[in-house]
Structure formats: structure tokens, C-alpha cells
Amino acid sequence: MKQIGTVRAIPHPGDKVQNMDNTVMTWVHALLFRCRQCSGPLTLQVTSDERNVEQIDGALHQLICDCGWEGTFLGVQALRHWVAPWGDLGTWG
């Protein structure tokens, strides 16, 4: 599976969480969209130093489906939006 989509986000203040060593944590945002042509799943993965969803939800994302359809979605149009810590956090069970 290939990664699809690009982010055009306007920076604004948000939740920045620091680790014990005062470094800012990295978060991964995973969004699920539905193709407007074939109804297939479209995914977008974005890393950010902000945990809150507002920056990603308010951004325009250009997506390309395997069926050839191309289009733009606002992040808030995602069917689902997950956020998880990312980076050097040790081994997850």
C-alpha cells in the first residue's frame, strides 16, 4: 500500500506535549476518507508536534485513489481521525 495525500496546513497554537527530558513529542495523525468515484478507502498519515486534531482537520489534503480519481478533502471530512504518539518511545507491546 502506498502513502497518499499531502498536507497544506496553516500553523497555529496547539497541544505540544513534552517528554520527561523536555523534548517535544511527535504525534502521528491517521485519517480515513472514501473515494468519491469508486468508494474505496483513502488513507493519509501526517506527523506533527501537536496532538490536537484542529490543525489537521482544518487543512486541505490532496488525495489520489488507485482508481485514478484525484481530489481535495478537508481533514474534518475524514470518516475517522486517529492520533497516536510517534517517535523514540521504546517498544510498544
Protein backbone atom coordinates (compact mmCIF):
# COMPACT_ATOMS: atom_id res chain seq x y z
CA MET A 1 0.00 0.00 0.00
CA LYS A 2 1.34 3.42 -0.88
CA GLN A 3 1.08 6.56 1.19
CA ILE A 4 -1.18 9.11 -0.44
CA GLY A 5 -2.02 12.71 0.21
CA THR A 6 -0.26 15.93 1.03
CA VAL A 7 -0.85 18.46 3.75
CA ARG A 8 -1.26 22.18 3.30
CA ALA A 9 -1.74 23.31 6.88
CA ILE A 10 -1.70 26.81 8.32
CA PRO A 11 0.28 26.71 11.61
CA HIS A 12 -1.44 27.82 14.79
CA PRO A 13 -1.00 27.15 18.52
CA GLY A 14 -1.90 23.69 19.76
CA ASP A 15 -1.22 20.93 22.24
CA LYS A 16 2.53 20.43 22.47
CA VAL A 17 3.39 17.69 24.92
CA GLN A 18 6.88 17.37 26.31
CA ASN A 19 8.64 14.18 27.33
CA MET A 20 10.43 13.82 30.66
CA ASP A 21 13.63 15.12 29.01
CA ASN A 22 11.77 18.29 27.82
CA THR A 23 11.76 17.28 24.15
CA VAL A 24 8.53 17.84 22.25
CA MET A 25 6.71 14.62 21.41
CA THR A 26 5.86 13.71 17.85
CA TRP A 27 2.33 12.58 17.02
CA VAL A 28 1.02 10.69 14.00
CA HIS A 29 -2.42 11.56 12.66
CA ALA A 30 -4.07 8.86 10.53
CA LEU A 31 -7.15 9.85 8.55
CA LEU A 32 -9.56 7.65 6.59
CA PHE A 33 -11.51 9.04 3.63
CA ARG A 34 -13.78 7.45 0.99
CA CYS A 35 -13.03 7.88 -2.72
CA ARG A 36 -15.75 9.92 -4.42
CA GLN A 37 -15.53 7.78 -7.56
CA CYS A 38 -15.11 4.12 -6.51
CA SER A 39 -15.94 4.38 -2.76
CA GLY A 40 -12.61 2.73 -1.91
CA PRO A 41 -10.64 3.70 1.21
CA LEU A 42 -8.15 6.57 1.05
CA THR A 43 -5.67 6.99 3.88
CA LEU A 44 -3.47 9.86 4.93
CA GLN A 45 -0.71 9.79 7.53
CA VAL A 46 0.72 13.04 8.91
CA THR A 47 3.29 13.62 11.66
CA SER A 48 3.07 16.70 13.84
CA ASP A 49 4.40 18.04 17.12
CA GLU A 50 0.80 18.80 18.04
CA ARG A 51 -1.63 16.23 19.40
CA ASN A 52 -4.81 18.21 18.78
CA VAL A 53 -6.78 17.49 15.62
CA GLU A 54 -7.78 21.05 14.71
CA GLN A 55 -4.71 21.84 12.57
CA ILE A 56 -5.05 18.65 10.52
CA ASP A 57 -8.86 18.83 10.37
CA GLY A 58 -8.71 22.41 9.07
CA ALA A 59 -6.14 21.66 6.35
CA LEU A 60 -6.80 20.76 2.72
CA HIS A 61 -5.47 17.36 1.68
CA GLN A 62 -4.95 16.38 -1.97
CA LEU A 63 -5.62 12.65 -2.33
CA ILE A 64 -5.18 10.24 -5.24
CA CYS A 65 -7.04 6.91 -5.40
CA ASP A 66 -5.81 3.74 -7.10
CA CYS A 67 -8.84 4.06 -9.43
CA GLY A 68 -7.33 7.27 -10.83
CA TRP A 69 -9.58 9.75 -9.06
CA GLU A 70 -7.89 12.85 -7.62
CA GLY A 71 -9.50 15.35 -5.31
CA THR A 72 -9.26 17.57 -2.28
CA PHE A 73 -10.72 16.93 1.16
CA LEU A 74 -10.74 18.99 4.32
CA GLY A 75 -9.40 16.93 7.20
CA VAL A 76 -12.71 17.33 9.01
CA GLN A 77 -14.35 15.36 6.16
CA ALA A 78 -12.47 12.20 7.19
CA LEU A 79 -14.60 9.24 8.21
CA ARG A 80 -12.15 8.62 11.08
CA HIS A 81 -9.19 10.52 12.55
CA TRP A 82 -6.80 8.74 14.91
CA VAL A 83 -3.90 10.28 16.83
CA ALA A 84 -1.08 8.30 18.45
CA PRO A 85 2.35 9.10 19.91
CA TRP A 86 5.19 8.53 17.47
CA GLY A 87 8.96 8.54 17.59
CA ASP A 88 11.54 7.21 20.00
CA LEU A 89 9.17 5.92 22.67
CA GLY A 90 10.68 2.49 23.17
CA THR A 91 8.98 -0.76 22.28
CA TRP A 92 5.22 -0.83 22.26
CA GLY A 93 3.52 -4.03 23.32
